[in-house]
Amino acid sequence: LVGEFGGYHVDKYSKEGIWQRKFVNYLK
């Protein structure tokens, strides 16, 4: 159970946004 993940950016272009999108896909 991933107790925390997050960040300001969820766009396709910033590194943090790319990371969050990848992680959500991994969770799914």
PDB file of all heavy atoms in Angstrom:
ATOM      1  N   LEU A   1       0.872  -1.173   0.000  1.00  0.00           N
ATOM      2  CA  LEU A   1       0.000   0.000   0.000  1.00  0.00           C
ATOM      3  C   LEU A   1       0.913   1.229   0.000  1.00  0.00           C
ATOM      4  O   LEU A   1       1.615   1.465   0.983  1.00  0.00           O
ATOM      5  CB  LEU A   1      -0.935   0.015   1.210  1.00  0.00           C
ATOM      6  CG  LEU A   1      -2.028   1.094   1.226  1.00  0.00           C
ATOM      7  CD1 LEU A   1      -3.197   0.669   2.117  1.00  0.00           C
ATOM      8  CD2 LEU A   1      -1.525   2.462   1.692  1.00  0.00           C
ATOM      9  N   VAL A   2       0.941   1.955  -1.093  1.00  0.00           N
ATOM     10  CA  VAL A   2       1.787   3.142  -1.200  1.00  0.00           C
ATOM     11  C   VAL A   2       1.146   4.240  -0.350  1.00  0.00           C
ATOM     12  O   VAL A   2       0.100   4.778  -0.696  1.00  0.00           O
ATOM     13  CB  VAL A   2       1.937   3.594  -2.663  1.00  0.00           C
ATOM     14  CG1 VAL A   2       2.812   4.842  -2.742  1.00  0.00           C
ATOM     15  CG2 VAL A   2       2.519   2.466  -3.511  1.00  0.00           C
ATOM     16  N   GLY A   3       1.789   4.560   0.775  1.00  0.00           N
ATOM     17  CA  GLY A   3       1.179   5.473   1.738  1.00  0.00           C
ATOM     18  C   GLY A   3       1.194   6.923   1.319  1.00  0.00           C
ATOM     19  O   GLY A   3       0.348   7.714   1.774  1.00  0.00           O
ATOM     20  N   GLU A   4       2.148   7.293   0.446  1.00  0.00           N
ATOM     21  CA  GLU A   4       2.226   8.656  -0.074  1.00  0.00           C
ATOM     22  C   GLU A   4       2.859   8.647  -1.453  1.00  0.00           C
ATOM     23  O   GLU A   4       3.824   7.931  -1.686  1.00  0.00           O
ATOM     24  CB  GLU A   4       3.082   9.565   0.825  1.00  0.00           C
ATOM     25  CG  GLU A   4       2.516   9.877   2.189  1.00  0.00           C
ATOM     26  CD  GLU A   4       3.419  10.839   2.965  1.00  0.00           C
ATOM     27  OE1 GLU A   4       4.256  11.535   2.331  1.00  0.00           O
ATOM     28  OE2 GLU A   4       3.293  10.881   4.203  1.00  0.00           O
ATOM     29  N   PHE A   5       2.301   9.442  -2.353  1.00  0.00           N
ATOM     30  CA  PHE A   5       2.989   9.894  -3.554  1.00  0.00           C
ATOM     31  C   PHE A   5       2.253  11.136  -4.024  1.00  0.00           C
ATOM     32  O   PHE A   5       1.086  11.339  -3.710  1.00  0.00           O
ATOM     33  CB  PHE A   5       3.029   8.812  -4.646  1.00  0.00           C
ATOM     34  CG  PHE A   5       1.750   8.677  -5.438  1.00  0.00           C
ATOM     35  CD1 PHE A   5       1.603   9.292  -6.672  1.00  0.00           C
ATOM     36  CD2 PHE A   5       0.692   7.917  -4.946  1.00  0.00           C
ATOM     37  CE1 PHE A   5       0.432   9.162  -7.404  1.00  0.00           C
ATOM     38  CE2 PHE A   5      -0.487   7.780  -5.666  1.00  0.00           C
ATOM     39  CZ  PHE A   5      -0.619   8.401  -6.905  1.00  0.00           C
ATOM     40  N   GLY A   6       2.946  12.003  -4.736  1.00  0.00           N
ATOM     41  CA  GLY A   6       2.288  13.216  -5.207  1.00  0.00           C
ATOM     42  C   GLY A   6       3.286  14.223  -5.724  1.00  0.00           C
ATOM     43  O   GLY A   6       4.485  13.971  -5.794  1.00  0.00           O
ATOM     44  N   GLY A   7       2.787  15.390  -6.097  1.00  0.00           N
ATOM     45  CA  GLY A   7       3.618  16.455  -6.625  1.00  0.00           C
ATOM     46  C   GLY A   7       2.772  17.523  -7.272  1.00  0.00           C
ATOM     47  O   GLY A   7       1.574  17.316  -7.522  1.00  0.00           O
ATOM     48  N   TYR A   8       3.362  18.670  -7.537  1.00  0.00           N
ATOM     49  CA  TYR A   8       2.637  19.775  -8.155  1.00  0.00           C
ATOM     50  C   TYR A   8       2.220  19.467  -9.591  1.00  0.00           C
ATOM     51  O   TYR A   8       1.132  19.801 -10.030  1.00  0.00           O
ATOM     52  CB  TYR A   8       3.501  21.045  -8.163  1.00  0.00           C
ATOM     53  CG  TYR A   8       3.499  21.816  -6.867  1.00  0.00           C
ATOM     54  CD1 TYR A   8       4.690  22.055  -6.190  1.00  0.00           C
ATOM     55  CD2 TYR A   8       2.313  22.314  -6.333  1.00  0.00           C
ATOM     56  CE1 TYR A   8       4.707  22.773  -5.002  1.00  0.00           C
ATOM     57  CE2 TYR A   8       2.316  23.029  -5.144  1.00  0.00           C
ATOM     58  CZ  TYR A   8       3.514  23.265  -4.483  1.00  0.00           C
ATOM     59  OH  TYR A   8       3.514  23.965  -3.308  1.00  0.00           O
ATOM     60  N   HIS A   9       3.104  18.808 -10.334  1.00  0.00           N
ATOM     61  CA  HIS A   9       2.929  18.727 -11.782  1.00  0.00           C
ATOM     62  C   HIS A   9       2.442  17.350 -12.225  1.00  0.00           C
ATOM     63  O   HIS A   9       2.957  16.323 -11.782  1.00  0.00           O
ATOM     64  CB  HIS A   9       4.253  19.046 -12.483  1.00  0.00           C
ATOM     65  CG  HIS A   9       4.829  20.378 -12.097  1.00  0.00           C
ATOM     66  ND1 HIS A   9       4.242  21.560 -12.441  1.00  0.00           N
ATOM     67  CD2 HIS A   9       5.924  20.691 -11.363  1.00  0.00           C
ATOM     68  CE1 HIS A   9       4.957  22.565 -11.963  1.00  0.00           C
ATOM     69  NE2 HIS A   9       5.980  22.071 -11.291  1.00  0.00           N
ATOM     70  N   VAL A  10       1.454  17.360 -13.125  1.00  0.00           N
ATOM     71  CA  VAL A  10       0.939  16.114 -13.692  1.00  0.00           C
ATOM     72  C   VAL A  10       0.896  16.186 -15.217  1.00  0.00           C
ATOM     73  O   VAL A  10       0.278  15.347 -15.859  1.00  0.00           O
ATOM     74  CB  VAL A  10      -0.473  15.786 -13.139  1.00  0.00           C
ATOM     75  CG1 VAL A  10      -0.430  15.507 -11.658  1.00  0.00           C
ATOM     76  CG2 VAL A  10      -1.456  16.915 -13.444  1.00  0.00           C
ATOM     77  N   ASP A  11       1.571  17.180 -15.810  1.00  0.00           N
ATOM     78  CA  ASP A  11       1.543  17.370 -17.256  1.00  0.00           C
ATOM     79  C   ASP A  11       2.456  16.363 -17.963  1.00  0.00           C
ATOM     80  O   ASP A  11       3.197  15.611 -17.335  1.00  0.00           O
ATOM     81  CB  ASP A  11       1.985  18.799 -17.600  1.00  0.00           C
ATOM     82  CG  ASP A  11       3.389  19.083 -17.088  1.00  0.00           C
ATOM     83  OD1 ASP A  11       3.541  19.471 -15.904  1.00  0.00           O
ATOM     84  OD2 ASP A  11       4.341  18.899 -17.871  1.00  0.00           O
ATOM     85  N   LYS A  12       2.424  16.377 -19.276  1.00  0.00           N
ATOM     86  CA  LYS A  12       3.181  15.422 -20.077  1.00  0.00           C
ATOM     87  C   LYS A  12       4.607  15.880 -20.355  1.00  0.00           C
ATOM     88  O   LYS A  12       5.377  15.138 -20.976  1.00  0.00           O
ATOM     89  CB  LYS A  12       2.478  15.200 -21.415  1.00  0.00           C
ATOM     90  CG  LYS A  12       1.080  14.618 -21.315  1.00  0.00           C
ATOM     91  CD  LYS A  12       0.463  14.485 -22.698  1.00  0.00           C
ATOM     92  CE  LYS A  12      -0.952  13.925 -22.626  1.00  0.00           C
ATOM     93  NZ  LYS A  12      -1.562  13.828 -23.978  1.00  0.00           N
ATOM     94  N   TYR A  13       4.960  17.084 -19.930  1.00  0.00           N
ATOM     95  CA  TYR A  13       6.216  17.674 -20.372  1.00  0.00           C
ATOM     96  C   TYR A  13       7.247  17.838 -19.248  1.00  0.00           C
ATOM     97  O   TYR A  13       8.443  17.662 -19.489  1.00  0.00           O
ATOM     98  CB  TYR A  13       5.937  19.023 -21.040  1.00  0.00           C
ATOM     99  CG  TYR A  13       4.875  18.927 -22.101  1.00  0.00           C
ATOM    100  CD1 TYR A  13       3.583  19.394 -21.862  1.00  0.00           C
ATOM    101  CD2 TYR A  13       5.150  18.309 -23.321  1.00  0.00           C
ATOM    102  CE1 TYR A  13       2.599  19.276 -22.828  1.00  0.00           C
ATOM    103  CE2 TYR A  13       4.168  18.184 -24.299  1.00  0.00           C
ATOM    104  CZ  TYR A  13       2.886  18.671 -24.043  1.00  0.00           C
ATOM    105  OH  TYR A  13       1.910  18.541 -24.998  1.00  0.00           O
ATOM    106  N   SER A  14       6.822  18.184 -18.046  1.00  0.00           N
ATOM    107  CA  SER A  14       7.774  18.334 -16.943  1.00  0.00           C
ATOM    108  C   SER A  14       8.190  16.958 -16.436  1.00  0.00           C
ATOM    109  O   SER A  14       7.458  15.977 -16.561  1.00  0.00           O
ATOM    110  CB  SER A  14       7.140  19.127 -15.797  1.00  0.00           C
ATOM    111  OG  SER A  14       6.098  18.382 -15.186  1.00  0.00           O
ATOM    112  N   LYS A  15       9.394  16.878 -15.857  1.00  0.00           N
ATOM    113  CA  LYS A  15       9.874  15.590 -15.349  1.00  0.00           C
ATOM    114  C   LYS A  15       8.972  15.068 -14.242  1.00  0.00           C
ATOM    115  O   LYS A  15       8.689  13.873 -14.171  1.00  0.00           O
ATOM    116  CB  LYS A  15      11.317  15.721 -14.856  1.00  0.00           C
ATOM    117  CG  LYS A  15      12.334  15.921 -15.964  1.00  0.00           C
ATOM    118  CD  LYS A  15      13.767  15.773 -15.472  1.00  0.00           C
ATOM    119  CE  LYS A  15      14.166  14.340 -15.284  1.00  0.00           C
ATOM    120  NZ  LYS A  15      15.603  14.162 -15.005  1.00  0.00           N
ATOM    121  N   GLU A  16       8.529  15.975 -13.351  1.00  0.00           N
ATOM    122  CA  GLU A  16       7.652  15.525 -12.273  1.00  0.00           C
ATOM    123  C   GLU A  16       6.322  15.032 -12.825  1.00  0.00           C
ATOM    124  O   GLU A  16       5.772  14.025 -12.354  1.00  0.00           O
ATOM    125  CB  GLU A  16       7.408  16.652 -11.264  1.00  0.00           C
ATOM    126  CG  GLU A  16       6.611  16.173 -10.057  1.00  0.00           C
ATOM    127  CD  GLU A  16       6.338  17.276  -9.044  1.00  0.00           C
ATOM    128  OE1 GLU A  16       5.673  18.266  -9.416  1.00  0.00           O
ATOM    129  OE2 GLU A  16       6.786  17.140  -7.905  1.00  0.00           O
ATOM    130  N   GLY A  17       5.797  15.728 -13.839  1.00  0.00           N
ATOM    131  CA  GLY A  17       4.546  15.294 -14.447  1.00  0.00           C
ATOM    132  C   GLY A  17       4.680  13.940 -15.110  1.00  0.00           C
ATOM    133  O   GLY A  17       3.802  13.074 -14.982  1.00  0.00           O
ATOM    134  N   ILE A  18       5.781  13.748 -15.838  1.00  0.00           N
ATOM    135  CA  ILE A  18       6.033  12.449 -16.476  1.00  0.00           C
ATOM    136  C   ILE A  18       6.138  11.362 -15.422  1.00  0.00           C
ATOM    137  O   ILE A  18       5.571  10.267 -15.567  1.00  0.00           O
ATOM    138  CB  ILE A  18       7.321  12.520 -17.329  1.00  0.00           C
ATOM    139  CG1 ILE A  18       7.111  13.454 -18.517  1.00  0.00           C
ATOM    140  CG2 ILE A  18       7.752  11.129 -17.791  1.00  0.00           C
ATOM    141  CD1 ILE A  18       8.390  13.830 -19.239  1.00  0.00           C
ATOM    142  N   TRP A  19       6.868  11.660 -14.328  1.00  0.00           N
ATOM    143  CA  TRP A  19       7.032  10.687 -13.245  1.00  0.00           C
ATOM    144  C   TRP A  19       5.677  10.313 -12.626  1.00  0.00           C
ATOM    145  O   TRP A  19       5.384   9.128 -12.425  1.00  0.00           O
ATOM    146  CB  TRP A  19       7.955  11.267 -12.169  1.00  0.00           C
ATOM    147  CG  TRP A  19       7.913  10.479 -10.902  1.00  0.00           C
ATOM    148  CD1 TRP A  19       8.577   9.333 -10.633  1.00  0.00           C
ATOM    149  CD2 TRP A  19       7.109  10.763  -9.755  1.00  0.00           C
ATOM    150  NE1 TRP A  19       8.248   8.874  -9.378  1.00  0.00           N
ATOM    151  CE2 TRP A  19       7.354   9.734  -8.823  1.00  0.00           C
ATOM    152  CE3 TRP A  19       6.219  11.784  -9.434  1.00  0.00           C
ATOM    153  CZ2 TRP A  19       6.720   9.710  -7.581  1.00  0.00           C
ATOM    154  CZ3 TRP A  19       5.602  11.754  -8.196  1.00  0.00           C
ATOM    155  CH2 TRP A  19       5.848  10.724  -7.281  1.00  0.00           C
ATOM    156  N   GLN A  20       4.829  11.334 -12.317  1.00  0.00           N
ATOM    157  CA  GLN A  20       3.524  11.031 -11.715  1.00  0.00           C
ATOM    158  C   GLN A  20       2.664  10.184 -12.644  1.00  0.00           C
ATOM    159  O   GLN A  20       1.984   9.248 -12.199  1.00  0.00           O
ATOM    160  CB  GLN A  20       2.778  12.321 -11.356  1.00  0.00           C
ATOM    161  CG  GLN A  20       3.206  12.946 -10.044  1.00  0.00           C
ATOM    162  CD  GLN A  20       2.064  13.644  -9.322  1.00  0.00           C
ATOM    163  OE1 GLN A  20       1.201  12.973  -8.755  1.00  0.00           O
ATOM    164  NE2 GLN A  20       2.084  14.960  -9.325  1.00  0.00           N
ATOM    165  N   ARG A  21       2.666  10.506 -13.925  1.00  0.00           N
ATOM    166  CA  ARG A  21       1.865   9.737 -14.882  1.00  0.00           C
ATOM    167  C   ARG A  21       2.350   8.291 -14.973  1.00  0.00           C
ATOM    168  O   ARG A  21       1.548   7.349 -15.006  1.00  0.00           O
ATOM    169  CB  ARG A  21       1.928  10.398 -16.258  1.00  0.00           C
ATOM    170  CG  ARG A  21       1.114  11.678 -16.358  1.00  0.00           C
ATOM    171  CD  ARG A  21       1.375  12.445 -17.636  1.00  0.00           C
ATOM    172  NE  ARG A  21       0.462  13.561 -17.754  1.00  0.00           N
ATOM    173  CZ  ARG A  21      -0.731  13.519 -18.369  1.00  0.00           C
ATOM    174  NH1 ARG A  21      -1.116  12.385 -18.948  1.00  0.00           N
ATOM    175  NH2 ARG A  21      -1.520  14.569 -18.413  1.00  0.00           N
ATOM    176  N   LYS A  22       3.660   8.129 -14.995  1.00  0.00           N
ATOM    177  CA  LYS A  22       4.222   6.773 -15.023  1.00  0.00           C
ATOM    178  C   LYS A  22       3.840   5.995 -13.769  1.00  0.00           C
ATOM    179  O   LYS A  22       3.521   4.799 -13.830  1.00  0.00           O
ATOM    180  CB  LYS A  22       5.745   6.844 -15.149  1.00  0.00           C
ATOM    181  CG  LYS A  22       6.253   7.232 -16.529  1.00  0.00           C
ATOM    182  CD  LYS A  22       6.228   6.058 -17.478  1.00  0.00           C
ATOM    183  CE  LYS A  22       6.901   6.381 -18.786  1.00  0.00           C
ATOM    184  NZ  LYS A  22       6.842   5.230 -19.735  1.00  0.00           N
ATOM    185  N   PHE A  23       3.876   6.687 -12.631  1.00  0.00           N
ATOM    186  CA  PHE A  23       3.586   5.986 -11.380  1.00  0.00           C
ATOM    187  C   PHE A  23       2.111   5.593 -11.291  1.00  0.00           C
ATOM    188  O   PHE A  23       1.782   4.488 -10.828  1.00  0.00           O
ATOM    189  CB  PHE A  23       3.979   6.847 -10.178  1.00  0.00           C
ATOM    190  CG  PHE A  23       4.055   6.070  -8.895  1.00  0.00           C
ATOM    191  CD1 PHE A  23       4.953   5.026  -8.754  1.00  0.00           C
ATOM    192  CD2 PHE A  23       3.210   6.376  -7.833  1.00  0.00           C
ATOM    193  CE1 PHE A  23       5.013   4.293  -7.573  1.00  0.00           C
ATOM    194  CE2 PHE A  23       3.269   5.648  -6.647  1.00  0.00           C
ATOM    195  CZ  PHE A  23       4.178   4.599  -6.525  1.00  0.00           C
ATOM    196  N   VAL A  24       1.230   6.469 -11.732  1.00  0.00           N
ATOM    197  CA  VAL A  24      -0.202   6.121 -11.749  1.00  0.00           C
ATOM    198  C   VAL A  24      -0.445   4.933 -12.667  1.00  0.00           C
ATOM    199  O   VAL A  24      -1.215   4.017 -12.326  1.00  0.00           O
ATOM    200  CB  VAL A  24      -1.049   7.340 -12.164  1.00  0.00           C
ATOM    201  CG1 VAL A  24      -2.481   6.920 -12.496  1.00  0.00           C
ATOM    202  CG2 VAL A  24      -1.061   8.388 -11.049  1.00  0.00           C
ATOM    203  N   ASN A  25       0.209   4.908 -13.815  1.00  0.00           N
ATOM    204  CA  ASN A  25       0.079   3.758 -14.713  1.00  0.00           C
ATOM    205  C   ASN A  25       0.596   2.482 -14.052  1.00  0.00           C
ATOM    206  O   ASN A  25       0.042   1.395 -14.242  1.00  0.00           O
ATOM    207  CB  ASN A  25       0.832   4.008 -16.018  1.00  0.00           C
ATOM    208  CG  ASN A  25       0.145   5.039 -16.891  1.00  0.00           C
ATOM    209  OD1 ASN A  25      -1.051   5.296 -16.737  1.00  0.00           O
ATOM    210  ND2 ASN A  25       0.884   5.649 -17.795  1.00  0.00           N
ATOM    211  N   TYR A  26       1.664   2.618 -13.256  1.00  0.00           N
ATOM    212  CA  TYR A  26       2.228   1.467 -12.543  1.00  0.00           C
ATOM    213  C   TYR A  26       1.253   0.961 -11.483  1.00  0.00           C
ATOM    214  O   TYR A  26       1.062  -0.249 -11.318  1.00  0.00           O
ATOM    215  CB  TYR A  26       3.560   1.879 -11.908  1.00  0.00           C
ATOM    216  CG  TYR A  26       4.390   0.721 -11.402  1.00  0.00           C
ATOM    217  CD1 TYR A  26       5.111  -0.065 -12.293  1.00  0.00           C
ATOM    218  CD2 TYR A  26       4.482   0.439 -10.041  1.00  0.00           C
ATOM    219  CE1 TYR A  26       5.898  -1.120 -11.839  1.00  0.00           C
ATOM    220  CE2 TYR A  26       5.267  -0.609  -9.583  1.00  0.00           C
ATOM    221  CZ  TYR A  26       5.971  -1.382 -10.488  1.00  0.00           C
ATOM    222  OH  TYR A  26       6.743  -2.428 -10.041  1.00  0.00           O
ATOM    223  N   LEU A  27       0.637   1.898 -10.759  1.00  0.00           N
ATOM    224  CA  LEU A  27      -0.374   1.513  -9.771  1.00  0.00           C
ATOM    225  C   LEU A  27      -1.519   0.759 -10.432  1.00  0.00           C
ATOM    226  O   LEU A  27      -1.997  -0.261  -9.926  1.00  0.00           O
ATOM    227  CB  LEU A  27      -0.924   2.759  -9.079  1.00  0.00           C
ATOM    228  CG  LEU A  27       0.010   3.560  -8.171  1.00  0.00           C
ATOM    229  CD1 LEU A  27      -0.672   4.842  -7.710  1.00  0.00           C
ATOM    230  CD2 LEU A  27       0.444   2.748  -6.961  1.00  0.00           C
ATOM    231  N   LYS A  28      -1.955   1.278 -11.577  1.00  0.00           N
ATOM    232  CA  LYS A  28      -3.081   0.653 -12.286  1.00  0.00           C
ATOM    233  C   LYS A  28      -2.706  -0.734 -12.800  1.00  0.00           C
ATOM    234  O   LYS A  28      -3.472  -1.693 -12.636  1.00  0.00           O
ATOM    235  CB  LYS A  28      -3.511   1.558 -13.436  1.00  0.00           C
ATOM    236  CG  LYS A  28      -4.720   1.034 -14.203  1.00  0.00           C
ATOM    237  CD  LYS A  28      -5.146   2.018 -15.283  1.00  0.00           C
ATOM    238  CE  LYS A  28      -6.373   1.487 -16.032  1.00  0.00           C
ATOM    239  NZ  LYS A  28      -6.828   2.446 -17.069  1.00  0.00           N
TER     240      LYS A  28
END
